[in-house]
C-alpha atoms as a PDB file:
ATOM      1  CA  MET A   1     100.178  97.908 100.336  1.00  0.00           C
ATOM      2  CA  LEU A   2      96.703  99.627  99.268  1.00  0.00           C
ATOM      3  CA  ASN A   3      94.209  99.995 101.884  1.00  0.00           C
ATOM      4  CA  ARG A   4      91.323  98.097 100.487  1.00  0.00           C
ATOM      5  CA  LEU A   5      88.629  99.706 102.420  1.00  0.00           C
ATOM      6  CA  LEU A   6      90.140 103.147 101.827  1.00  0.00           C
ATOM      7  CA  VAL A   7      90.260 101.897  97.700  1.00  0.00           C
ATOM      8  CA  ARG A   8      86.633 101.232  97.908  1.00  0.00           C
ATOM      9  CA  GLU A   9      85.823 104.278  99.528  1.00  0.00           C
ATOM     10  CA  LYS A  10      87.537 106.524  96.906  1.00  0.00           C
ATOM     11  CA  LEU A  11      85.798 104.353  94.232  1.00  0.00           C
ATOM     12  CA  GLN A  12      82.777 104.930  95.493  1.00  0.00           C
ATOM     13  CA  GLN A  13      83.205 108.867  95.505  1.00  0.00           C
ATOM     14  CA  PHE A  14      84.528 108.564  91.799  1.00  0.00           C
ATOM     15  CA  TYR A  15      81.592 106.175  90.752  1.00  0.00           C
ATOM     16  CA  ILE A  16      78.971 108.512  92.683  1.00  0.00           C
ATOM     17  CA  GLU A  17      81.003 111.773  90.719  1.00  0.00           C
ATOM     18  CA  ASP A  18      80.523 110.108  87.317  1.00  0.00           C
ATOM     19  CA  ASN A  19      76.983 108.501  87.758  1.00  0.00           C
ATOM     20  CA  GLN A  20      74.575 111.294  89.486  1.00  0.00           C
ATOM     21  CA  GLN A  21      71.752 110.963  87.342  1.00  0.00           C
ATOM     22  CA  GLY A  22      72.928 107.210  86.122  1.00  0.00           C
ATOM     23  CA  ASP A  23      74.187 105.797  82.640  1.00  0.00           C
ATOM     24  CA  LEU A  24      71.959 106.906  79.863  1.00  0.00           C
ATOM     25  CA  ALA A  25      73.509 104.136  77.442  1.00  0.00           C
ATOM     26  CA  ILE A  26      73.252 101.234  79.773  1.00  0.00           C
ATOM     27  CA  ARG A  27      69.497 101.424  79.641  1.00  0.00           C
ATOM     28  CA  ILE A  28      69.586  99.600  76.183  1.00  0.00           C
ATOM     29  CA  PHE A  29      70.893  96.574  78.114  1.00  0.00           C
ATOM     30  CA  ASP A  30      68.933  93.912  80.299  1.00  0.00           C
ATOM     31  CA  THR A  31      70.292  94.294  83.914  1.00  0.00           C
ATOM     32  CA  HIS A  32      70.763  90.662  83.804  1.00  0.00           C
ATOM     33  CA  GLU A  33      72.688  90.306  80.725  1.00  0.00           C
ATOM     34  CA  THR A  34      76.448  89.747  81.318  1.00  0.00           C
ATOM     35  CA  GLY A  35      79.615  89.997  79.067  1.00  0.00           C
ATOM     36  CA  THR A  36      83.239  89.654  79.487  1.00  0.00           C
ATOM     37  CA  LEU A  37      85.670  92.883  79.434  1.00  0.00           C
ATOM     38  CA  THR A  38      89.176  92.239  78.304  1.00  0.00           C
ATOM     39  CA  LEU A  39      91.822  94.626  79.700  1.00  0.00           C
ATOM     40  CA  LEU A  40      94.774  94.773  76.840  1.00  0.00           C
ATOM     41  CA  ALA A  41      98.174  96.766  77.298  1.00  0.00           C
ATOM     42  CA  LYS A  42      98.711  98.582  73.938  1.00  0.00           C
ATOM     43  CA  GLU A  43     102.217  99.735  75.036  1.00  0.00           C
ATOM     44  CA  ALA A  44     105.239  98.818  77.173  1.00  0.00           C
ATOM     45  CA  GLY A  45     105.463  99.151  80.583  1.00  0.00           C
ATOM     46  CA  ILE A  46     104.901  98.111  84.409  1.00  0.00           C
ATOM     47  CA  PHE A  47     101.427  97.024  85.218  1.00  0.00           C
ATOM     48  CA  CYS A  48      99.987  98.292  88.488  1.00  0.00           C
ATOM     49  CA  GLY A  49      96.263  98.439  89.548  1.00  0.00           C
ATOM     50  CA  THR A  50      95.010  94.415  90.629  1.00  0.00           C
ATOM     51  CA  THR A  51      93.224  95.976  93.850  1.00  0.00           C
ATOM     52  CA  VAL A  52      91.601  98.941  91.769  1.00  0.00           C
ATOM     53  CA  ILE A  53      90.122  96.265  89.111  1.00  0.00           C
ATOM     54  CA  GLU A  54      88.976  93.752  91.860  1.00  0.00           C
ATOM     55  CA  GLU A  55      87.494  96.445  93.958  1.00  0.00           C
ATOM     56  CA  GLY A  56      86.209  98.653  91.007  1.00  0.00           C
ATOM     57  CA  PHE A  57      84.006  96.141  89.227  1.00  0.00           C
ATOM     58  CA  ARG A  58      83.027  94.597  92.691  1.00  0.00           C
ATOM     59  CA  LEU A  59      81.460  97.573  93.703  1.00  0.00           C
ATOM     60  CA  LEU A  60      78.705  97.271  91.618  1.00  0.00           C
ATOM     61  CA  GLU A  61      78.921  93.482  91.429  1.00  0.00           C
ATOM     62  CA  PRO A  62      80.392  91.500  94.365  1.00  0.00           C
ATOM     63  CA  GLN A  63      80.085  88.342  92.537  1.00  0.00           C
ATOM     64  CA  ALA A  64      82.358  89.639  89.532  1.00  0.00           C
ATOM     65  CA  ASP A  65      84.538  86.865  88.144  1.00  0.00           C
ATOM     66  CA  ILE A  66      88.114  88.383  87.210  1.00  0.00           C
ATOM     67  CA  THR A  67      90.783  86.156  86.291  1.00  0.00           C
ATOM     68  CA  PHE A  68      94.456  88.277  85.879  1.00  0.00           C
ATOM     69  CA  GLU A  69      96.675  86.862  83.047  1.00  0.00           C
ATOM     70  CA  VAL A  70      99.765  89.339  84.689  1.00  0.00           C
ATOM     71  CA  GLU A  71     100.754  90.076  88.179  1.00  0.00           C
ATOM     72  CA  GLU A  72     101.065  93.251  89.866  1.00  0.00           C
ATOM     73  CA  GLY A  73     104.645  94.808  88.644  1.00  0.00           C
ATOM     74  CA  GLU A  74     104.784  92.678  85.948  1.00  0.00           C
ATOM     75  CA  ILE A  75     106.679  93.937  82.683  1.00  0.00           C
ATOM     76  CA  LEU A  76     104.042  94.432  80.263  1.00  0.00           C
ATOM     77  CA  THR A  77     104.612  94.258  76.247  1.00  0.00           C
ATOM     78  CA  PRO A  78     102.456  95.613  73.468  1.00  0.00           C
ATOM     79  CA  ASN A  79      98.906  93.489  73.437  1.00  0.00           C
ATOM     80  CA  THR A  80      99.435  91.591  76.684  1.00  0.00           C
ATOM     81  CA  ILE A  81      95.832  90.690  78.011  1.00  0.00           C
ATOM     82  CA  ILE A  82      95.861  92.094  81.547  1.00  0.00           C
ATOM     83  CA  ALA A  83      92.616  90.615  82.977  1.00  0.00           C
ATOM     84  CA  HIS A  84      89.336  89.515  82.000  1.00  0.00           C
ATOM     85  CA  ILE A  85      86.149  90.613  84.098  1.00  0.00           C
ATOM     86  CA  LYS A  86      82.830  88.778  83.604  1.00  0.00           C
ATOM     87  CA  ALA A  87      79.857  90.623  85.182  1.00  0.00           C
ATOM     88  CA  PRO A  88      76.405  92.156  84.008  1.00  0.00           C
ATOM     89  CA  VAL A  89      77.002  94.156  81.222  1.00  0.00           C
ATOM     90  CA  TYR A  90      76.083  97.403  82.829  1.00  0.00           C
ATOM     91  CA  VAL A  91      78.407  96.772  85.564  1.00  0.00           C
ATOM     92  CA  LEU A  92      81.227  96.639  82.975  1.00  0.00           C
ATOM     93  CA  LEU A  93      80.168  99.521  80.983  1.00  0.00           C
ATOM     94  CA  THR A  94      79.687 101.823  83.841  1.00  0.00           C
ATOM     95  CA  MET A  95      82.993 100.932  85.799  1.00  0.00           C
ATOM     96  CA  GLU A  96      84.978 100.531  82.559  1.00  0.00           C
ATOM     97  CA  ARG A  97      86.393 104.293  82.282  1.00  0.00           C
ATOM     98  CA  ILE A  98      86.678 104.714  86.127  1.00  0.00           C
ATOM     99  CA  VAL A  99      88.950 101.779  86.397  1.00  0.00           C
ATOM    100  CA  LEU A 100      90.698 102.528  83.240  1.00  0.00           C
ATOM    101  CA  ASN A 101      91.509 105.915  84.244  1.00  0.00           C
ATOM    102  CA  LEU A 102      93.229 104.828  87.456  1.00  0.00           C
ATOM    103  CA  ILE A 103      95.187 101.695  86.557  1.00  0.00           C
ATOM    104  CA  GLN A 104      96.471 103.690  83.327  1.00  0.00           C
ATOM    105  CA  ARG A 105      97.856 106.579  85.695  1.00  0.00           C
ATOM    106  CA  MET A 106      99.124 104.428  88.184  1.00  0.00           C
ATOM    107  CA  SER A 107     100.877 102.217  85.434  1.00  0.00           C
ATOM    108  CA  GLY A 108     102.406 105.103  84.090  1.00  0.00           C
ATOM    109  CA  ILE A 109     103.870 106.107  87.065  1.00  0.00           C
ATOM    110  CA  ALA A 110     105.222 102.668  87.984  1.00  0.00           C
ATOM    111  CA  THR A 111     106.843 102.688  84.551  1.00  0.00           C
ATOM    112  CA  ALA A 112     108.406 105.585  85.090  1.00  0.00           C
ATOM    113  CA  ALA A 113     109.560 104.958  88.791  1.00  0.00           C
ATOM    114  CA  HIS A 114     111.060 101.533  87.164  1.00  0.00           C
ATOM    115  CA  HIS A 115     112.872 103.346  84.464  1.00  0.00           C
ATOM    116  CA  LEU A 116     114.569 105.538  86.950  1.00  0.00           C
ATOM    117  CA  THR A 117     115.511 103.002  89.374  1.00  0.00           C
ATOM    118  CA  SER A 118     117.019 101.292  86.474  1.00  0.00           C
ATOM    119  CA  GLN A 119     119.607 104.024  86.145  1.00  0.00           C
ATOM    120  CA  ILE A 120     120.683 103.985  89.719  1.00  0.00           C
ATOM    121  CA  LYS A 121     120.803 100.435  90.787  1.00  0.00           C
ATOM    122  CA  HIS A 122     124.632 100.337  90.362  1.00  0.00           C
ATOM    123  CA  THR A 123     124.478 102.490  93.393  1.00  0.00           C
ATOM    124  CA  SER A 124     123.223 102.489  96.944  1.00  0.00           C
ATOM    125  CA  THR A 125     121.090 105.389  96.395  1.00  0.00           C
ATOM    126  CA  ARG A 126     117.173 105.071  96.460  1.00  0.00           C
ATOM    127  CA  LEU A 127     114.440 106.590  94.529  1.00  0.00           C
ATOM    128  CA  VAL A 128     111.911 108.478  96.405  1.00  0.00           C
ATOM    129  CA  ASP A 129     108.897 110.345  95.202  1.00  0.00           C
ATOM    130  CA  THR A 130     107.443 113.838  96.656  1.00  0.00           C
ATOM    131  CA  ARG A 131     104.118 115.025  98.026  1.00  0.00           C
ATOM    132  CA  LYS A 132     103.358 116.728  94.464  1.00  0.00           C
ATOM    133  CA  THR A 133     100.318 114.285  93.956  1.00  0.00           C
ATOM    134  CA  THR A 134      96.859 114.952  92.594  1.00  0.00           C
ATOM    135  CA  PRO A 135      94.447 115.793  95.231  1.00  0.00           C
ATOM    136  CA  GLY A 136      92.323 112.568  95.891  1.00  0.00           C
ATOM    137  CA  LEU A 137      94.794 110.669  94.040  1.00  0.00           C
ATOM    138  CA  ALA A 138      97.647 110.233  96.438  1.00  0.00           C
ATOM    139  CA  ILE A 139      97.297 106.998  97.612  1.00  0.00           C
ATOM    140  CA  PHE A 140      96.925 105.273  94.035  1.00  0.00           C
ATOM    141  CA  GLU A 141     100.102 107.348  92.692  1.00  0.00           C
ATOM    142  CA  LYS A 142     102.067 106.774  95.728  1.00  0.00           C
ATOM    143  CA  TYR A 143     101.776 102.913  95.849  1.00  0.00           C
ATOM    144  CA  ALA A 144     102.268 102.834  91.771  1.00  0.00           C
ATOM    145  CA  VAL A 145     105.836 104.427  92.951  1.00  0.00           C
ATOM    146  CA  THR A 146     106.360 101.607  95.177  1.00  0.00           C
ATOM    147  CA  VAL A 147     105.517  98.906  92.544  1.00  0.00           C
ATOM    148  CA  GLY A 148     107.654 100.491  90.316  1.00  0.00           C
ATOM    149  CA  GLY A 149     110.583 100.200  92.523  1.00  0.00           C
ATOM    150  CA  GLY A 150     110.709 103.398  94.467  1.00  0.00           C
ATOM    151  CA  LEU A 151     109.994 104.500  98.062  1.00  0.00           C
ATOM    152  CA  ASN A 152     107.441 106.799  99.381  1.00  0.00           C
ATOM    153  CA  HIS A 153     109.126 109.927 100.914  1.00  0.00           C
ATOM    154  CA  ARG A 154     106.115 111.384 103.023  1.00  0.00           C
ATOM    155  CA  ARG A 155     102.777 110.022 102.838  1.00  0.00           C
ATOM    156  CA  SER A 156     101.149 112.650 104.380  1.00  0.00           C
ATOM    157  CA  LEU A 157     102.307 116.054 106.331  1.00  0.00           C
ATOM    158  CA  ASN A 158     102.358 113.877 109.600  1.00  0.00           C
ATOM    159  CA  ASP A 159     104.601 111.307 108.128  1.00  0.00           C
ATOM    160  CA  GLY A 160     108.034 113.051 109.222  1.00  0.00           C
ATOM    161  CA  LEU A 161     108.635 116.574 110.238  1.00  0.00           C
ATOM    162  CA  MET A 162     110.381 118.758 107.065  1.00  0.00           C
ATOM    163  CA  LEU A 163     111.613 122.318 107.322  1.00  0.00           C
ATOM    164  CA  LYS A 164     111.654 123.658 103.938  1.00  0.00           C
ATOM    165  CA  ASP A 165     113.080 126.926 102.545  1.00  0.00           C
ATOM    166  CA  ASN A 166     109.731 128.697 103.653  1.00  0.00           C
ATOM    167  CA  HIS A 167     109.086 127.161 107.296  1.00  0.00           C
ATOM    168  CA  ILE A 168     112.991 128.577 108.214  1.00  0.00           C
ATOM    169  CA  ALA A 169     111.976 131.775 106.401  1.00  0.00           C
ATOM    170  CA  TYR A 170     109.167 132.780 108.898  1.00  0.00           C
ATOM    171  CA  SER A 171     111.594 131.606 111.834  1.00  0.00           C
ATOM    172  CA  THR A 172     114.032 133.953 113.184  1.00  0.00           C
ATOM    173  CA  SER A 173     116.808 131.066 112.300  1.00  0.00           C
ATOM    174  CA  MET A 174     117.350 127.580 111.000  1.00  0.00           C
ATOM    175  CA  ASN A 175     118.288 126.635 114.768  1.00  0.00           C
ATOM    176  CA  GLU A 176     115.258 128.272 116.198  1.00  0.00           C
ATOM    177  CA  ALA A 177     113.193 126.403 113.421  1.00  0.00           C
ATOM    178  CA  ILE A 178     114.684 123.012 114.466  1.00  0.00           C
ATOM    179  CA  ASP A 179     114.813 123.591 118.354  1.00  0.00           C
ATOM    180  CA  ASN A 180     110.838 124.380 118.037  1.00  0.00           C
ATOM    181  CA  ALA A 181     110.468 121.276 115.782  1.00  0.00           C
ATOM    182  CA  ARG A 182     112.135 119.190 118.484  1.00  0.00           C
ATOM    183  CA  LYS A 183     109.275 119.962 121.011  1.00  0.00           C
ATOM    184  CA  HIS A 184     106.544 118.359 118.951  1.00  0.00           C
ATOM    185  CA  LEU A 185     108.460 114.823 117.751  1.00  0.00           C
ATOM    186  CA  GLY A 186     107.204 111.858 119.080  1.00  0.00           C
ATOM    187  CA  PRO A 187     109.816 109.163 119.406  1.00  0.00           C
ATOM    188  CA  MET A 188     109.280 107.757 115.912  1.00  0.00           C
ATOM    189  CA  ASP A 189     109.221 111.046 114.262  1.00  0.00           C
ATOM    190  CA  LYS A 190     112.203 112.405 112.102  1.00  0.00           C
ATOM    191  CA  ILE A 191     113.496 115.987 110.991  1.00  0.00           C
ATOM    192  CA  GLU A 192     114.787 116.726 107.578  1.00  0.00           C
ATOM    193  CA  VAL A 193     116.072 119.984 106.580  1.00  0.00           C
ATOM    194  CA  GLU A 194     116.064 121.448 102.965  1.00  0.00           C
ATOM    195  CA  ILE A 195     119.532 123.246 102.559  1.00  0.00           C
ATOM    196  CA  GLU A 196     120.809 125.948 100.061  1.00  0.00           C
ATOM    197  CA  ASN A 197     124.381 126.988 100.533  1.00  0.00           C
ATOM    198  CA  GLU A 198     127.074 125.715 102.849  1.00  0.00           C
ATOM    199  CA  THR A 199     126.489 127.951 105.706  1.00  0.00           C
ATOM    200  CA  MET A 200     122.995 126.210 105.925  1.00  0.00           C
ATOM    201  CA  LEU A 201     124.388 123.028 105.510  1.00  0.00           C
ATOM    202  CA  GLN A 202     126.918 123.312 108.503  1.00  0.00           C
ATOM    203  CA  THR A 203     124.317 124.481 110.885  1.00  0.00           C
ATOM    204  CA  ALA A 204     122.039 121.302 109.826  1.00  0.00           C
ATOM    205  CA  ILE A 205     124.980 119.179 110.457  1.00  0.00           C
ATOM    206  CA  GLU A 206     125.623 121.144 114.253  1.00  0.00           C
ATOM    207  CA  ALA A 207     122.002 120.710 114.939  1.00  0.00           C
ATOM    208  CA  ASN A 208     122.072 117.006 114.435  1.00  0.00           C
ATOM    209  CA  VAL A 209     119.207 116.600 112.186  1.00  0.00           C
ATOM    210  CA  ASP A 210     118.430 113.388 110.562  1.00  0.00           C
ATOM    211  CA  LEU A 211     118.192 114.019 107.165  1.00  0.00           C
ATOM    212  CA  ILE A 212     119.800 116.665 105.062  1.00  0.00           C
ATOM    213  CA  MET A 213     118.171 117.817 101.802  1.00  0.00           C
ATOM    214  CA  PHE A 214     120.419 119.283  98.749  1.00  0.00           C
ATOM    215  CA  ASP A 215     117.897 121.284  97.346  1.00  0.00           C
ATOM    216  CA  ASN A 216     118.374 122.391  93.897  1.00  0.00           C
ATOM    217  CA  GLN A 217     122.354 121.744  93.951  1.00  0.00           C
ATOM    218  CA  THR A 218     124.516 120.207  91.067  1.00  0.00           C
ATOM    219  CA  PRO A 219     126.132 116.888  91.375  1.00  0.00           C
ATOM    220  CA  GLU A 220     129.491 118.473  91.626  1.00  0.00           C
ATOM    221  CA  TRP A 221     128.237 120.797  94.554  1.00  0.00           C
ATOM    222  CA  ILE A 222     126.790 117.981  96.276  1.00  0.00           C
ATOM    223  CA  GLN A 223     130.261 115.813  95.588  1.00  0.00           C
ATOM    224  CA  SER A 224     131.968 118.485  97.081  1.00  0.00           C
ATOM    225  CA  HIS A 225     130.256 118.923 100.102  1.00  0.00           C
ATOM    226  CA  ILE A 226     128.787 115.427 101.116  1.00  0.00           C
ATOM    227  CA  HIS A 227     132.221 114.519 102.805  1.00  0.00           C
ATOM    228  CA  LEU A 228     130.992 117.069 105.454  1.00  0.00           C
ATOM    229  CA  VAL A 229     127.826 115.137 106.553  1.00  0.00           C
ATOM    230  CA  PRO A 230     128.216 112.322 109.178  1.00  0.00           C
ATOM    231  CA  ASN A 231     127.368 108.951 108.698  1.00  0.00           C
ATOM    232  CA  THR A 232     124.475 109.787 111.469  1.00  0.00           C
ATOM    233  CA  ILE A 233     122.699 111.824 109.034  1.00  0.00           C
ATOM    234  CA  GLN A 234     121.690 110.864 105.638  1.00  0.00           C
ATOM    235  CA  THR A 235     121.044 112.477 102.814  1.00  0.00           C
ATOM    236  CA  GLU A 236     118.858 113.431  99.939  1.00  0.00           C
ATOM    237  CA  ALA A 237     119.293 115.316  96.329  1.00  0.00           C
ATOM    238  CA  SER A 238     116.341 116.937  94.982  1.00  0.00           C
ATOM    239  CA  GLY A 239     115.096 119.486  92.576  1.00  0.00           C
ATOM    240  CA  ASN A 240     114.826 119.111  88.736  1.00  0.00           C
ATOM    241  CA  ILE A 241     116.098 115.632  88.330  1.00  0.00           C
ATOM    242  CA  ASN A 242     115.327 113.695  85.566  1.00  0.00           C
ATOM    243  CA  GLU A 243     116.220 110.698  83.638  1.00  0.00           C
ATOM    244  CA  THR A 244     118.955 112.622  82.007  1.00  0.00           C
ATOM    245  CA  ASN A 245     121.080 113.460  85.285  1.00  0.00           C
ATOM    246  CA  ILE A 246     119.814 111.128  87.754  1.00  0.00           C
ATOM    247  CA  LYS A 247     122.651 108.746  87.410  1.00  0.00           C
ATOM    248  CA  ALA A 248     125.020 111.575  88.291  1.00  0.00           C
ATOM    249  CA  TYR A 249     123.474 112.768  91.429  1.00  0.00           C
ATOM    250  CA  ALA A 250     123.341 109.007  92.142  1.00  0.00           C
ATOM    251  CA  GLU A 251     126.862 108.748  92.398  1.00  0.00           C
ATOM    252  CA  THR A 252     127.172 111.529  94.190  1.00  0.00           C
ATOM    253  CA  GLY A 253     126.551 109.036  97.303  1.00  0.00           C
ATOM    254  CA  VAL A 254     123.438 110.462  98.380  1.00  0.00           C
ATOM    255  CA  ASP A 255     121.106 108.226 100.230  1.00  0.00           C
ATOM    256  CA  PHE A 256     117.740 109.417  98.641  1.00  0.00           C
ATOM    257  CA  ILE A 257     116.949 111.167  95.093  1.00  0.00           C
ATOM    258  CA  SER A 258     113.468 112.956  95.243  1.00  0.00           C
ATOM    259  CA  VAL A 259     111.489 113.193  91.926  1.00  0.00           C
ATOM    260  CA  GLY A 260     108.711 114.987  91.638  1.00  0.00           C
ATOM    261  CA  ALA A 261     107.895 114.680  88.026  1.00  0.00           C
ATOM    262  CA  LEU A 262     106.816 111.027  88.903  1.00  0.00           C
ATOM    263  CA  PHE A 263     103.540 112.464  89.563  1.00  0.00           C
ATOM    264  CA  TYR A 264     103.393 115.877  87.288  1.00  0.00           C
ATOM    265  CA  GLY A 265     105.432 114.958  84.267  1.00  0.00           C
ATOM    266  CA  GLN A 266     103.898 111.344  83.651  1.00  0.00           C
ATOM    267  CA  LYS A 267     101.921 110.334  80.797  1.00  0.00           C
ATOM    268  CA  ALA A 268      99.229 107.189  81.524  1.00  0.00           C
ATOM    269  CA  LEU A 269      99.987 103.726  79.918  1.00  0.00           C
ATOM    270  CA  ASP A 270      97.811 103.234  77.037  1.00  0.00           C
ATOM    271  CA  ILE A 271      95.594 100.234  78.043  1.00  0.00           C
ATOM    272  CA  SER A 272      92.180  99.308  76.307  1.00  0.00           C
ATOM    273  CA  ALA A 273      88.724  97.631  77.204  1.00  0.00           C
ATOM    274  CA  LYS A 274      87.191  95.405  74.895  1.00  0.00           C
ATOM    275  CA  VAL A 275      83.381  93.863  75.892  1.00  0.00           C
ATOM    276  CA  VAL A 276      82.327  90.298  74.609  1.00  0.00           C
ATOM    277  CA  ILE A 277      78.701  89.582  74.871  1.00  0.00           C
END
């Protein structure tokens, strides 16, 4: 669920960035002139962005009349009407691009997450995201993953303690890194360790960490080693996983599969906006 106060704050920042000196084009309109903006899907996908639409247009016009024709997470087909927004024309035209840019990206990510989760639904494995988000857009991008059926891995650096290869490289050993990490844990915090070979796997198991990430390993390697991990430790597969191989990774029996391409490899869903005076 999106934090509306944070969304509002972000949208205000985006508006100021785009309108530092004001919008020259809207000066041709009377500030009291009203119109209706219709948002229309131009391709199939999953809709994501209800809160952005509401908070975006109501940032400038609190009384904007917004009617949704679809619900959050609904499957769109080409030419599906998403929403109608009635407000002063200058509000519609000034906020149009900011809102569109966000909901197109969010819907694109939600669509990708939906596509990947559908390929592994016959298993108990869950799709999770990564921290490879766009700076400034993480709350929108990570929310979109959940709308598409995935889970958020870590929402920030303070959301669980992950020891990756570079953390371990700067320590004397993996055991030292884990021991030092435990000194800083609260009662709700977990430790995840990234492993790259069988020696690291055995060390992580003996240290009884909460979660083990098989990083850049083949499905075959994971399949032949996952039986070593006790049920008290959860497992994750990560690294170069996409729609062509995610099924094979899920069938190894890992609890989670993280996919960075949910953020850096997706195109925005094509959505248009038309104003009727």
